[in-house]
Amino acid sequence: MNYLKLSLIVVIVSSLISCGNGGSSDKTIGKKIFRYNESAGITSLDPAFSRNIENIWACNQLYNGLVQMDDNLNIIPCIANRWEISEDGKEYTFYIKNDVYFHHHDLFKDGKGRKVVAEDFVYSFNRIIDSKVASPGAWVFNNLDFNEENKYAPFVAVNDTTLKIFLTQPFPPFLGILTMQYCSVVPHEIVEHYKNDYSSNPIGTGPFQFKMWDEGNKMVFVKNDNYFEKTAKGEQLPFIDAVAITFIKDEEVEFLKFLNGDLDFVSGREGSYKEEIFNASGTLKDKYKSKINMLTHPYLNTEYLGILVNDDLDIVANSPLKKKMIRQAINYGFNREQMISYLRKNIGTPAHSGFVPKGLPSYSEERVKGYTYNPEKAKELLYSAGFPNGKGLPEITLFTTMGYVDLCEFIQHQLGEIGIKIKVEILQATTHRELVARSKLNFFRKSWIADYPDAENYLALFYSKNFTPHGPNYTQFKNFEFDKLYEKSQAEVNDSTRYYLYQEMDKILIEEAPVVTLYYDEVVRLVQTNVNDLGINPINLLTLKNVKINDKK
């Protein structure tokens, strides 16, 4: 970002701070509306396609599953009020609440939302694994048991309030998987009526229901007056009247609207405005401390550069990145500590211990040692690969989105010093996301946020049966030893043994280098001072049912 533009933003910001917050339109006076911006856009409100955080945040307001996760990552009841797990760990029985209803819709009798029954979960889960639906979440049910004893049905509605799920082997993270948005319940009659248009005509059971979507401009959810959850004190949820989401692509404009009181929160420290409001230590500057609340929490998020490594793809066969030594040289060739200090205000931890991030119980700096800055080692690898000092090495294109250009240009500069020429190409977030999912980009910036608090969630990205577009293996990594360890870990119920297997898998990833890990992140939320109980959690899930908005002073 150039100096003139930054100076202009500083002047505008300063004037906004002195003028105070903006007003509300007549239509919203007296209404408690939570407003946030989604610069990357939302592509679907169908939970079967809640692959990215933008869709997940939106779907989390509209839908519920059997279980949910609190801000401390404890798994607690949701539509199921309790559950039982068989002694062998392969049969799960869920008992469904009798007072949960879908949102109102004309297709229901008398236009009133009907009661959720166990068969709705059978339909919803079968839909996720249906190849015709092509949900990117099909991988979450990889462990289902289609045996004759269960009439080849892994999901069974015993009656309206009892659901059974059968697995081929015990899988300790399974309850955590069921908290994912993919596992939300949807009504068959609405889905089948709208077919492909269901993604923009959603009906769920959540605290808010869909109102309107002006694509590229605005999306609105309104309070579900028939929501089934209450607080521990018996207060009806949700507390606010509506959620309004805008789609402003420019992060500076987004932040200015936040300072002017037109948005209730912004997420993260990315964007050029960070120089204006944050100290070098990452804390708020004094003049903002009375204007903004800042929430921070360790984030189960690994930021990385992904590399396609499937030799069967033409773009891999013709790329220098197919050589492991080149991938390793890139990993050694830049200084993660400097990157975090200069560009992230020391927020986050340099990723020196593999793909599994700090904060998970299996994380081990002692057992899993990744890459540190070692330009001489990088040069040795280039020489061994046949490119002394990078001579003869073709230019490599790194694809990213606008919010991460500074990181990619930092890496570009340092790799250039050892002879690896990088071209940074910027894509729109939605374009970038889709091209990565379709294996059309050789070298790309990406992140992986934990869906549930187990390292299996990260290592699943490299299991060969999870290739995109039907799974999260964006690099199309395939390794026999890795797959063997992964499958063994899925059946292991002893935590210590399972963590050991996870660490061994992470070591394979370090050696084969299908990714360049950058840093383990931290959640940062900037919130208006009149917004209470937003909460914050290690998976950066946005949950609005508990939010309260007070009148501005």
Protein backbone atom coordinates (compact mmCIF):
# COMPACT_ATOMS: atom_id res chain seq x y z
CA MET A 1 0.00 0.00 0.00
CA ASN A 2 1.48 3.42 -0.93
CA TYR A 3 2.30 6.15 1.56
CA LEU A 4 -0.21 8.67 0.18
CA LYS A 5 -3.14 6.27 0.57
CA LEU A 6 -2.06 5.32 4.10
CA SER A 7 -1.73 9.01 5.06
CA LEU A 8 -5.22 9.72 3.73
CA ILE A 9 -6.65 6.82 5.74
CA VAL A 10 -4.94 8.10 8.89
CA VAL A 11 -6.52 11.55 8.39
CA ILE A 12 -9.97 10.02 7.88
CA VAL A 13 -9.56 7.70 10.85
CA SER A 14 -8.54 10.59 13.09
CA SER A 15 -11.56 12.64 12.06
CA LEU A 16 -13.87 9.69 12.69
CA ILE A 17 -12.46 9.19 16.16
CA SER A 18 -13.11 12.83 17.01
CA CYS A 19 -16.60 12.84 15.48
CA GLY A 20 -17.86 9.66 17.13
CA ASN A 21 -20.03 6.88 15.80
CA GLY A 22 -22.39 7.07 12.86
CA GLY A 23 -26.16 7.02 13.13
CA SER A 24 -28.80 4.48 12.20
CA SER A 25 -31.46 4.62 9.51
CA ASP A 26 -35.13 5.01 10.45
CA LYS A 27 -35.78 1.38 9.51
CA THR A 28 -33.41 0.07 12.15
CA ILE A 29 -34.09 2.46 15.04
CA GLY A 30 -34.90 0.43 18.13
CA LYS A 31 -33.67 -2.82 16.57
CA LYS A 32 -30.68 -4.72 17.88
CA ILE A 33 -28.80 -5.63 14.70
CA PHE A 34 -25.33 -7.18 14.65
CA ARG A 35 -23.47 -5.96 11.57
CA TYR A 36 -20.31 -7.43 10.13
CA ASN A 37 -18.53 -7.47 6.79
CA GLU A 38 -17.40 -10.49 4.78
CA SER A 39 -14.78 -9.17 2.36
CA ALA A 40 -14.14 -12.62 0.85
CA GLY A 41 -17.84 -13.16 0.10
CA ILE A 42 -20.21 -16.03 0.91
CA THR A 43 -20.76 -18.66 -1.77
CA SER A 44 -23.42 -20.90 -0.21
CA LEU A 45 -25.83 -21.13 2.73
CA ASP A 46 -26.15 -24.89 2.29
CA PRO A 47 -24.26 -26.56 5.18
CA ALA A 48 -23.21 -29.34 2.81
CA PHE A 49 -20.90 -26.72 1.25
CA SER A 50 -19.66 -25.00 4.42
CA ARG A 51 -16.04 -25.60 3.44
CA ASN A 52 -14.60 -22.16 4.24
CA ILE A 53 -14.86 -19.87 7.23
CA GLU A 54 -17.09 -17.35 5.45
CA ASN A 55 -19.77 -19.98 4.75
CA ILE A 56 -19.26 -21.59 8.17
CA TRP A 57 -19.88 -18.33 10.03
CA ALA A 58 -23.11 -17.72 8.13
CA CYS A 59 -24.37 -21.30 8.43
CA ASN A 60 -23.62 -21.33 12.16
CA GLN A 61 -26.37 -18.73 12.64
CA LEU A 62 -28.95 -20.69 10.59
CA TYR A 63 -28.42 -24.35 11.51
CA ASN A 64 -27.85 -26.79 14.36
CA GLY A 65 -26.48 -30.31 14.65
CA LEU A 66 -26.72 -33.10 17.18
CA VAL A 67 -23.94 -31.62 19.31
CA GLN A 68 -22.04 -28.35 19.52
CA MET A 69 -18.78 -27.01 20.91
CA ASP A 70 -18.51 -24.30 23.56
CA ASP A 71 -15.79 -21.65 23.61
CA ASN A 72 -13.56 -23.98 25.65
CA LEU A 73 -13.89 -26.71 22.99
CA ASN A 74 -16.07 -28.90 25.21
CA ILE A 75 -18.64 -30.94 23.28
CA ILE A 76 -22.10 -30.24 24.67
CA PRO A 77 -25.70 -31.13 23.71
CA CYS A 78 -27.52 -29.31 20.93
CA ILE A 79 -30.47 -30.99 19.16
CA ALA A 80 -29.46 -34.21 20.90
CA ASN A 81 -29.92 -33.86 24.65
CA ARG A 82 -27.71 -36.88 25.39
CA TRP A 83 -25.84 -39.73 23.72
CA GLU A 84 -24.34 -43.13 24.40
CA ILE A 85 -21.26 -44.80 22.89
CA SER A 86 -21.01 -48.59 22.79
CA GLU A 87 -18.22 -50.33 24.65
CA ASP A 88 -16.40 -51.13 21.39
CA GLY A 89 -16.66 -47.48 20.30
CA LYS A 90 -18.41 -48.30 17.03
CA GLU A 91 -22.05 -47.52 17.79
CA TYR A 92 -23.35 -44.06 18.74
CA THR A 93 -26.90 -43.53 19.99
CA PHE A 94 -28.32 -39.99 20.12
CA TYR A 95 -31.54 -38.98 21.84
CA ILE A 96 -33.24 -36.11 20.02
CA LYS A 97 -35.00 -33.24 21.81
CA ASN A 98 -38.75 -33.10 21.30
CA ASP A 99 -39.05 -29.32 20.97
CA VAL A 100 -36.86 -28.40 18.01
CA TYR A 101 -38.57 -26.99 14.91
CA PHE A 102 -37.42 -25.91 11.47
CA HIS A 103 -37.90 -22.28 10.48
CA HIS A 104 -41.30 -21.39 9.06
CA HIS A 105 -41.82 -21.96 5.34
CA ASP A 106 -44.86 -22.17 3.04
CA LEU A 107 -43.97 -25.75 2.08
CA PHE A 108 -44.67 -26.88 5.64
CA LYS A 109 -48.24 -27.47 6.82
CA ASP A 110 -49.92 -24.12 7.54
CA GLY A 111 -46.59 -22.46 6.80
CA LYS A 112 -45.31 -23.37 10.26
CA GLY A 113 -41.95 -24.98 10.83
CA ARG A 114 -42.31 -28.69 11.56
CA LYS A 115 -40.68 -30.67 14.35
CA VAL A 116 -37.23 -32.16 13.76
CA VAL A 117 -37.13 -35.96 14.02
CA ALA A 118 -34.34 -38.53 13.83
CA GLU A 119 -35.16 -39.29 10.20
CA ASP A 120 -34.18 -35.72 9.32
CA PHE A 121 -30.64 -36.48 10.43
CA VAL A 122 -30.64 -39.70 8.41
CA TYR A 123 -31.60 -37.66 5.34
CA SER A 124 -29.11 -34.88 6.07
CA PHE A 125 -26.16 -37.22 6.68
CA ASN A 126 -26.94 -39.40 3.66
CA ARG A 127 -27.03 -36.23 1.59
CA ILE A 128 -23.50 -35.34 2.69
CA ILE A 129 -22.12 -38.67 1.44
CA ASP A 130 -24.21 -38.70 -1.76
CA SER A 131 -21.81 -38.46 -4.72
CA LYS A 132 -24.49 -36.62 -6.70
CA VAL A 133 -24.48 -33.82 -4.13
CA ALA A 134 -20.66 -33.70 -4.25
CA SER A 135 -20.31 -32.13 -0.83
CA PRO A 136 -16.71 -31.25 0.08
CA GLY A 137 -17.61 -32.53 3.55
CA ALA A 138 -18.19 -36.14 2.48
CA TRP A 139 -14.85 -37.03 4.06
CA VAL A 140 -16.20 -36.45 7.59
CA PHE A 141 -18.11 -39.73 7.28
CA ASN A 142 -15.24 -41.86 5.96
CA ASN A 143 -15.60 -44.35 8.81
CA LEU A 144 -19.22 -45.51 8.32
CA ASP A 145 -20.29 -49.14 8.62
CA PHE A 146 -22.51 -50.30 5.74
CA ASN A 147 -22.94 -53.87 6.99
CA GLU A 148 -25.75 -56.34 6.39
CA GLU A 149 -26.74 -56.46 10.06
CA ASN A 150 -27.76 -52.78 9.84
CA LYS A 151 -29.44 -53.36 6.47
CA TYR A 152 -26.48 -51.54 4.88
CA ALA A 153 -27.54 -48.31 6.59
CA PRO A 154 -24.94 -46.52 8.75
CA PHE A 155 -27.59 -44.02 9.93
CA VAL A 156 -30.73 -45.49 11.51
CA ALA A 157 -33.75 -43.69 12.96
CA VAL A 158 -34.97 -46.11 15.63
CA ASN A 159 -37.92 -43.79 16.26
CA ASP A 160 -38.59 -40.05 16.06
CA THR A 161 -36.28 -39.25 18.96
CA THR A 162 -33.55 -41.92 18.68
CA LEU A 163 -30.77 -41.99 16.09
CA LYS A 164 -28.01 -44.58 15.73
CA ILE A 165 -24.75 -44.18 13.81
CA PHE A 166 -22.55 -47.20 13.07
CA LEU A 167 -18.79 -46.98 12.46
CA THR A 168 -16.42 -49.60 11.09
CA GLN A 169 -13.94 -48.93 13.90
CA PRO A 170 -13.68 -46.74 16.99
CA PHE A 171 -12.82 -43.14 16.16
CA PRO A 172 -12.34 -40.88 19.22
CA PRO A 173 -12.66 -37.54 17.31
CA PHE A 174 -16.09 -38.51 15.93
CA LEU A 175 -18.16 -36.42 18.35
CA GLY A 176 -15.99 -33.43 17.47
CA ILE A 177 -16.63 -34.05 13.78
CA LEU A 178 -20.37 -33.97 14.43
CA THR A 179 -20.05 -30.36 15.64
CA MET A 180 -19.06 -29.28 12.12
CA GLN A 181 -21.52 -27.33 9.98
CA TYR A 182 -21.51 -30.15 7.43
CA CYS A 183 -23.43 -32.20 10.01
CA SER A 184 -26.31 -29.74 10.38
CA VAL A 185 -29.87 -30.94 9.97
CA VAL A 186 -31.86 -29.81 6.90
CA PRO A 187 -35.52 -30.48 5.91
CA HIS A 188 -35.87 -32.86 2.97
CA GLU A 189 -38.97 -31.21 1.51
CA ILE A 190 -37.29 -27.79 1.27
CA VAL A 191 -34.01 -29.14 -0.15
CA GLU A 192 -35.84 -31.24 -2.73
CA HIS A 193 -38.08 -28.33 -3.71
CA TYR A 194 -35.26 -25.85 -4.34
CA LYS A 195 -32.68 -28.41 -5.50
CA ASN A 196 -29.55 -26.48 -6.58
CA ASP A 197 -31.09 -23.22 -5.40
CA TYR A 198 -31.33 -24.42 -1.81
CA SER A 199 -27.97 -22.74 -1.15
CA SER A 200 -29.70 -19.36 -1.46
CA ASN A 201 -33.03 -20.43 0.08
CA PRO A 202 -31.93 -22.07 3.34
CA ILE A 203 -34.18 -23.40 6.08
CA GLY A 204 -32.63 -24.60 9.30
CA THR A 205 -33.32 -24.70 13.03
CA GLY A 206 -30.84 -22.04 14.13
CA PRO A 207 -31.22 -18.91 16.26
CA PHE A 208 -31.62 -16.82 13.11
CA GLN A 209 -33.48 -17.46 9.88
CA PHE A 210 -32.70 -16.32 6.38
CA LYS A 211 -34.36 -13.08 5.20
CA MET A 212 -32.60 -11.80 2.07
CA TRP A 213 -29.42 -11.99 -0.01
CA ASP A 214 -28.51 -9.21 -2.42
CA GLU A 215 -25.45 -10.91 -3.88
CA GLY A 216 -22.29 -8.87 -3.59
CA ASN A 217 -24.06 -6.27 -1.49
CA LYS A 218 -25.88 -7.48 1.61
CA MET A 219 -27.31 -10.51 3.43
CA VAL A 220 -29.79 -10.41 6.32
CA PHE A 221 -30.86 -12.98 8.91
CA VAL A 222 -33.68 -12.27 11.38
CA LYS A 223 -34.37 -13.58 14.85
CA ASN A 224 -35.99 -17.02 15.10
CA ASP A 225 -38.72 -16.46 17.69
CA ASN A 226 -39.24 -20.21 18.06
CA TYR A 227 -35.62 -21.10 18.81
CA PHE A 228 -35.25 -23.99 21.23
CA GLU A 229 -32.19 -22.95 23.26
CA LYS A 230 -32.17 -20.87 26.44
CA THR A 231 -29.40 -19.63 28.69
CA ALA A 232 -28.54 -21.33 31.99
CA LYS A 233 -30.76 -18.67 33.62
CA GLY A 234 -33.69 -19.63 31.41
CA GLU A 235 -33.44 -16.59 29.12
CA GLN A 236 -34.68 -17.11 25.57
CA LEU A 237 -32.05 -16.99 22.84
CA PRO A 238 -31.14 -15.11 20.72
CA PHE A 239 -31.11 -11.63 22.27
CA ILE A 240 -30.65 -9.56 19.12
CA ASP A 241 -33.18 -8.96 16.35
CA ALA A 242 -31.12 -9.50 13.23
CA VAL A 243 -27.73 -10.06 11.63
CA ALA A 244 -26.69 -7.92 8.65
CA ILE A 245 -23.69 -8.95 6.54
CA THR A 246 -22.11 -6.69 3.93
CA PHE A 247 -19.57 -7.66 1.26
CA ILE A 248 -17.15 -4.74 1.04
CA LYS A 249 -13.95 -6.04 -0.57
CA ASP A 250 -11.66 -3.18 0.48
CA GLU A 251 -10.39 -3.86 4.00
CA GLU A 252 -9.53 -0.19 4.60
CA VAL A 253 -13.11 0.83 3.82
CA GLU A 254 -14.35 -2.00 6.05
CA PHE A 255 -12.24 -0.77 8.95
CA LEU A 256 -13.31 2.85 8.48
CA LYS A 257 -16.94 1.76 8.62
CA PHE A 258 -16.16 -0.09 11.84
CA LEU A 259 -14.60 3.03 13.37
CA ASN A 260 -17.62 5.03 12.27
CA GLY A 261 -19.93 2.62 14.10
CA ASP A 262 -21.43 1.10 10.95
CA LEU A 263 -20.03 -2.37 11.73
CA ASP A 264 -20.02 -4.09 15.11
CA PHE A 265 -16.81 -6.05 14.76
CA VAL A 266 -13.88 -6.83 12.50
CA SER A 267 -11.72 -9.90 12.67
CA GLY A 268 -7.94 -10.11 12.50
CA ARG A 269 -5.01 -7.73 12.28
CA GLU A 270 -4.61 -7.98 8.52
CA GLY A 271 -4.93 -4.89 6.36
CA SER A 272 -2.89 -1.69 6.16
CA TYR A 273 -4.85 -0.13 9.04
CA LYS A 274 -2.86 -2.26 11.48
CA GLU A 275 -0.05 0.30 11.37
CA GLU A 276 -2.50 2.99 12.45
CA ILE A 277 -4.13 1.28 15.43
CA PHE A 278 -1.66 -1.30 16.80
CA ASN A 279 1.60 -0.86 18.69
CA ALA A 280 4.65 -2.92 17.72
CA SER A 281 3.67 -5.39 20.46
CA GLY A 282 0.27 -5.95 18.83
CA THR A 283 -1.77 -4.08 21.45
CA LEU A 284 -4.12 -1.18 20.75
CA LYS A 285 -2.66 2.30 20.70
CA ASP A 286 -3.81 4.49 23.58
CA LYS A 287 -6.20 6.64 21.55
CA TYR A 288 -8.24 3.59 20.58
CA LYS A 289 -8.46 1.84 23.94
CA SER A 290 -11.63 3.68 25.01
CA LYS A 291 -13.23 3.34 21.56
CA ILE A 292 -12.69 -0.35 20.81
CA ASN A 293 -12.64 -3.62 22.73
CA MET A 294 -10.01 -6.10 21.58
CA LEU A 295 -10.41 -9.84 22.22
CA THR A 296 -7.53 -12.25 21.63
CA HIS A 297 -7.13 -16.01 21.96
CA PRO A 298 -4.74 -18.70 20.68
CA TYR A 299 -6.02 -19.88 17.31
CA LEU A 300 -6.00 -23.46 16.03
CA ASN A 301 -5.04 -22.20 12.60
CA THR A 302 -1.97 -23.07 10.54
CA GLU A 303 -1.10 -20.57 7.82
CA TYR A 304 0.84 -22.21 5.01
CA LEU A 305 1.80 -22.34 1.36
CA GLY A 306 0.44 -25.41 -0.39
CA ILE A 307 2.20 -27.20 -3.24
CA LEU A 308 0.50 -29.61 -5.64
CA VAL A 309 2.54 -32.83 -5.64
CA ASN A 310 0.43 -35.24 -7.70
CA ASP A 311 2.64 -36.20 -10.67
CA ASP A 312 -0.44 -37.31 -12.62
CA LEU A 313 -1.42 -33.65 -13.04
CA ASP A 314 0.13 -31.86 -16.02
CA ILE A 315 0.79 -28.68 -14.05
CA VAL A 316 2.82 -30.72 -11.57
CA ALA A 317 4.73 -32.73 -14.17
CA ASN A 318 5.90 -29.49 -15.79
CA SER A 319 6.79 -27.68 -12.56
CA PRO A 320 10.13 -27.51 -10.70
CA LEU A 321 8.11 -27.95 -7.50
CA LYS A 322 7.75 -31.63 -8.30
CA LYS A 323 11.29 -31.98 -6.94
CA LYS A 324 11.32 -32.49 -3.19
CA MET A 325 14.64 -30.68 -2.77
CA ILE A 326 13.16 -27.51 -4.29
CA ARG A 327 10.24 -27.67 -1.86
CA GLN A 328 12.65 -28.19 1.03
CA ALA A 329 14.82 -25.29 -0.14
CA ILE A 330 11.80 -22.99 -0.08
CA ASN A 331 11.08 -24.09 3.50
CA TYR A 332 14.63 -23.23 4.58
CA GLY A 333 14.85 -20.06 2.52
CA PHE A 334 12.98 -17.40 4.52
CA ASN A 335 12.95 -16.10 8.09
CA ARG A 336 9.65 -16.79 9.84
CA GLU A 337 10.62 -14.81 12.96
CA GLN A 338 11.25 -11.67 10.94
CA MET A 339 8.03 -12.22 9.00
CA ILE A 340 5.97 -12.39 12.21
CA SER A 341 7.77 -9.41 13.75
CA TYR A 342 7.68 -7.10 10.72
CA LEU A 343 4.32 -7.97 9.24
CA ARG A 344 2.21 -9.46 12.03
CA LYS A 345 3.12 -7.23 14.98
CA ASN A 346 4.44 -10.36 16.74
CA ILE A 347 1.00 -11.96 16.65
CA GLY A 348 1.29 -15.68 16.06
CA THR A 349 4.05 -18.27 16.50
CA PRO A 350 6.57 -19.11 13.75
CA ALA A 351 5.72 -22.59 12.46
CA HIS A 352 8.83 -24.62 13.24
CA SER A 353 7.11 -27.80 14.42
CA GLY A 354 5.18 -29.18 11.50
CA PHE A 355 1.65 -28.71 10.24
CA VAL A 356 -0.20 -29.49 13.49
CA PRO A 357 -0.43 -26.17 15.38
CA LYS A 358 0.47 -25.14 18.86
CA GLY A 359 -2.47 -25.57 21.24
CA LEU A 360 -3.42 -29.14 20.38
CA PRO A 361 -2.47 -31.83 22.92
CA SER A 362 -0.39 -33.79 20.40
CA TYR A 363 1.75 -30.76 19.51
CA SER A 364 5.40 -31.38 20.43
CA GLU A 365 8.34 -29.09 19.72
CA GLU A 366 10.64 -31.80 21.06
CA ARG A 367 9.50 -34.67 18.83
CA VAL A 368 8.49 -32.76 15.70
CA LYS A 369 11.18 -30.44 14.41
CA GLY A 370 10.38 -28.58 11.23
CA TYR A 371 12.21 -25.94 9.22
CA THR A 372 14.15 -22.93 10.47
CA TYR A 373 15.80 -20.16 8.47
CA ASN A 374 18.94 -21.65 6.91
CA PRO A 375 19.83 -20.02 3.57
CA GLU A 376 23.03 -22.03 3.24
CA LYS A 377 21.11 -25.29 3.56
CA ALA A 378 18.63 -23.99 0.99
CA LYS A 379 21.47 -23.26 -1.44
CA GLU A 380 22.89 -26.76 -0.91
CA LEU A 381 19.51 -28.25 -1.80
CA LEU A 382 19.28 -26.10 -4.92
CA TYR A 383 22.74 -27.29 -5.97
CA SER A 384 21.81 -30.94 -5.37
CA ALA A 385 18.62 -30.44 -7.39
CA GLY A 386 20.68 -29.24 -10.36
CA PHE A 387 20.14 -25.50 -9.94
CA PRO A 388 23.30 -24.01 -8.38
CA ASN A 389 22.41 -20.58 -6.94
CA GLY A 390 19.07 -20.97 -8.72
CA LYS A 391 20.67 -20.97 -12.19
CA GLY A 392 18.28 -22.56 -14.67
CA LEU A 393 15.43 -22.73 -12.16
CA PRO A 394 12.22 -21.45 -13.79
CA GLU A 395 10.27 -18.66 -12.12
CA ILE A 396 7.62 -20.04 -9.75
CA THR A 397 4.21 -18.35 -9.39
CA LEU A 398 2.74 -18.07 -5.90
CA PHE A 399 -1.01 -17.38 -5.87
CA THR A 400 -2.54 -15.45 -3.00
CA THR A 401 -5.33 -13.07 -2.04
CA MET A 402 -5.02 -9.36 -1.30
CA GLY A 403 -4.89 -9.76 2.48
CA TYR A 404 -1.69 -11.82 2.35
CA VAL A 405 0.29 -10.02 -0.32
CA ASP A 406 2.75 -8.60 2.21
CA LEU A 407 3.59 -12.07 3.55
CA CYS A 408 4.06 -13.48 0.06
CA GLU A 409 6.20 -10.55 -1.05
CA PHE A 410 8.38 -10.97 2.05
CA ILE A 411 8.92 -14.63 1.13
CA GLN A 412 9.46 -13.64 -2.51
CA HIS A 413 12.22 -11.21 -1.52
CA GLN A 414 14.09 -13.60 0.77
CA LEU A 415 13.85 -16.54 -1.62
CA GLY A 416 15.13 -14.28 -4.39
CA GLU A 417 18.30 -13.73 -2.39
CA ILE A 418 19.15 -17.45 -2.62
CA GLY A 419 18.24 -17.77 -6.30
CA ILE A 420 14.57 -18.86 -6.20
CA LYS A 421 12.56 -16.44 -8.33
CA ILE A 422 8.96 -16.09 -7.18
CA LYS A 423 6.18 -14.23 -8.96
CA VAL A 424 3.30 -13.24 -6.67
CA GLU A 425 -0.09 -13.29 -8.38
CA ILE A 426 -3.16 -11.89 -6.62
CA LEU A 427 -6.60 -13.44 -7.07
CA GLN A 428 -10.03 -12.57 -5.74
CA ALA A 429 -10.71 -14.67 -2.64
CA THR A 430 -13.58 -16.63 -4.20
CA THR A 431 -11.58 -17.31 -7.37
CA HIS A 432 -8.54 -18.39 -5.36
CA ARG A 433 -10.63 -20.70 -3.20
CA GLU A 434 -12.31 -22.40 -6.14
CA LEU A 435 -9.11 -22.84 -8.15
CA VAL A 436 -7.35 -24.41 -5.16
CA ALA A 437 -10.30 -26.76 -4.64
CA ARG A 438 -10.14 -27.79 -8.31
CA SER A 439 -6.35 -28.38 -8.22
CA LYS A 440 -5.66 -25.63 -10.74
CA LEU A 441 -2.95 -23.81 -8.77
CA ASN A 442 0.54 -25.22 -8.33
CA PHE A 443 1.66 -23.03 -5.42
CA PHE A 444 -0.84 -21.20 -3.23
CA ARG A 445 -1.30 -19.54 0.12
CA LYS A 446 -3.84 -21.29 2.32
CA SER A 447 -4.83 -21.77 5.93
CA TRP A 448 -6.43 -24.58 7.87
CA ILE A 449 -8.59 -23.84 10.89
CA ALA A 450 -9.48 -26.70 13.19
CA ASP A 451 -13.06 -27.89 12.89
CA TYR A 452 -12.62 -30.00 16.03
CA PRO A 453 -9.79 -30.12 18.60
CA ASP A 454 -7.84 -33.13 17.40
CA ALA A 455 -4.75 -33.25 15.18
CA GLU A 456 -6.51 -35.75 12.90
CA ASN A 457 -8.36 -32.71 11.57
CA TYR A 458 -5.07 -31.35 10.21
CA LEU A 459 -3.55 -34.61 9.08
CA ALA A 460 -6.68 -35.51 7.11
CA LEU A 461 -5.50 -32.88 4.60
CA PHE A 462 -2.81 -35.30 3.47
CA TYR A 463 -4.68 -38.61 3.46
CA SER A 464 -4.77 -39.90 -0.11
CA LYS A 465 -8.48 -40.75 0.00
CA ASN A 466 -9.31 -37.10 0.72
CA PHE A 467 -8.29 -35.59 -2.63
CA THR A 468 -10.14 -32.45 -3.65
CA PRO A 469 -12.81 -31.64 -4.68
CA HIS A 470 -14.43 -34.24 -2.39
CA GLY A 471 -12.04 -33.79 0.51
CA PRO A 472 -9.51 -31.35 1.96
CA ASN A 473 -6.31 -32.80 0.44
CA TYR A 474 -5.57 -29.64 -1.57
CA THR A 475 -1.97 -30.66 -2.31
CA GLN A 476 -3.04 -34.13 -3.55
CA PHE A 477 -0.30 -35.61 -1.39
CA LYS A 478 -0.08 -39.41 -1.46
CA ASN A 479 2.30 -41.41 0.71
CA PHE A 480 1.89 -45.07 1.61
CA GLU A 481 3.53 -44.82 5.05
CA PHE A 482 1.52 -41.71 5.92
CA ASP A 483 -1.75 -43.40 4.91
CA LYS A 484 -0.89 -46.47 6.98
CA LEU A 485 -0.21 -44.36 10.08
CA TYR A 486 -3.33 -42.27 9.49
CA GLU A 487 -5.57 -45.33 9.27
CA LYS A 488 -3.96 -46.82 12.36
CA SER A 489 -4.48 -43.59 14.32
CA GLN A 490 -8.18 -43.51 13.47
CA ALA A 491 -8.75 -46.77 15.33
CA GLU A 492 -6.46 -45.96 18.28
CA VAL A 493 -8.37 -45.14 21.49
CA ASN A 494 -5.29 -44.60 23.68
CA ASP A 495 -4.53 -40.88 23.54
CA SER A 496 -0.77 -41.15 24.08
CA THR A 497 -0.38 -43.77 21.36
CA ARG A 498 -2.58 -41.80 18.98
CA TYR A 499 -0.56 -38.62 19.60
CA TYR A 500 2.65 -40.52 18.83
CA LEU A 501 1.17 -41.64 15.50
CA TYR A 502 0.16 -38.05 14.74
CA GLN A 503 3.72 -36.87 15.39
CA GLU A 504 5.14 -39.54 13.09
CA MET A 505 2.80 -38.38 10.33
CA ASP A 506 3.85 -34.78 10.84
CA LYS A 507 7.50 -35.84 10.46
CA ILE A 508 6.68 -37.36 7.06
CA LEU A 509 5.10 -34.08 5.98
CA ILE A 510 8.22 -32.19 7.02
CA GLU A 511 10.42 -34.53 5.00
CA GLU A 512 8.23 -34.62 1.87
CA ALA A 513 7.35 -30.90 2.07
CA PRO A 514 3.97 -30.69 0.29
CA VAL A 515 3.47 -27.53 2.33
CA VAL A 516 5.49 -24.58 3.58
CA THR A 517 4.24 -23.84 7.08
CA LEU A 518 4.34 -20.13 7.96
CA TYR A 519 2.90 -19.57 11.44
CA TYR A 520 0.37 -20.72 14.01
CA ASP A 521 -2.16 -17.95 14.37
CA GLU A 522 -4.00 -16.02 17.06
CA VAL A 523 -7.67 -14.97 17.00
CA VAL A 524 -8.13 -11.20 17.18
CA ARG A 525 -11.54 -9.56 17.34
CA LEU A 526 -12.13 -5.81 17.45
CA VAL A 527 -15.58 -5.13 18.84
CA GLN A 528 -17.73 -2.07 19.48
CA THR A 529 -17.89 -1.22 23.17
CA ASN A 530 -21.69 -1.59 23.28
CA VAL A 531 -21.53 -5.23 22.09
CA ASN A 532 -21.38 -7.81 24.88
CA ASP A 533 -20.96 -11.60 25.10
CA LEU A 534 -19.60 -12.08 21.60
CA GLY A 535 -17.16 -14.64 22.94
CA ILE A 536 -13.97 -15.95 21.39
CA ASN A 537 -12.63 -19.46 20.85
CA PRO A 538 -9.61 -21.34 19.44
CA ILE A 539 -11.40 -22.25 16.19
CA ASN A 540 -12.60 -18.68 15.53
CA LEU A 541 -16.22 -19.76 15.17
CA LEU A 542 -18.61 -16.80 15.09
CA THR A 543 -21.58 -17.50 17.36
CA LEU A 544 -24.15 -14.71 17.71
CA LYS A 545 -26.99 -16.30 19.69
CA ASN A 546 -25.58 -15.01 23.01
CA VAL A 547 -24.69 -11.50 21.83
CA LYS A 548 -26.29 -8.50 23.51
CA ILE A 549 -26.18 -5.00 22.07
CA ASN A 550 -26.64 -2.06 24.42
CA ASP A 551 -27.72 1.42 23.40
CA LYS A 552 -24.79 3.66 22.54
CA LYS A 553 -23.95 6.32 25.07
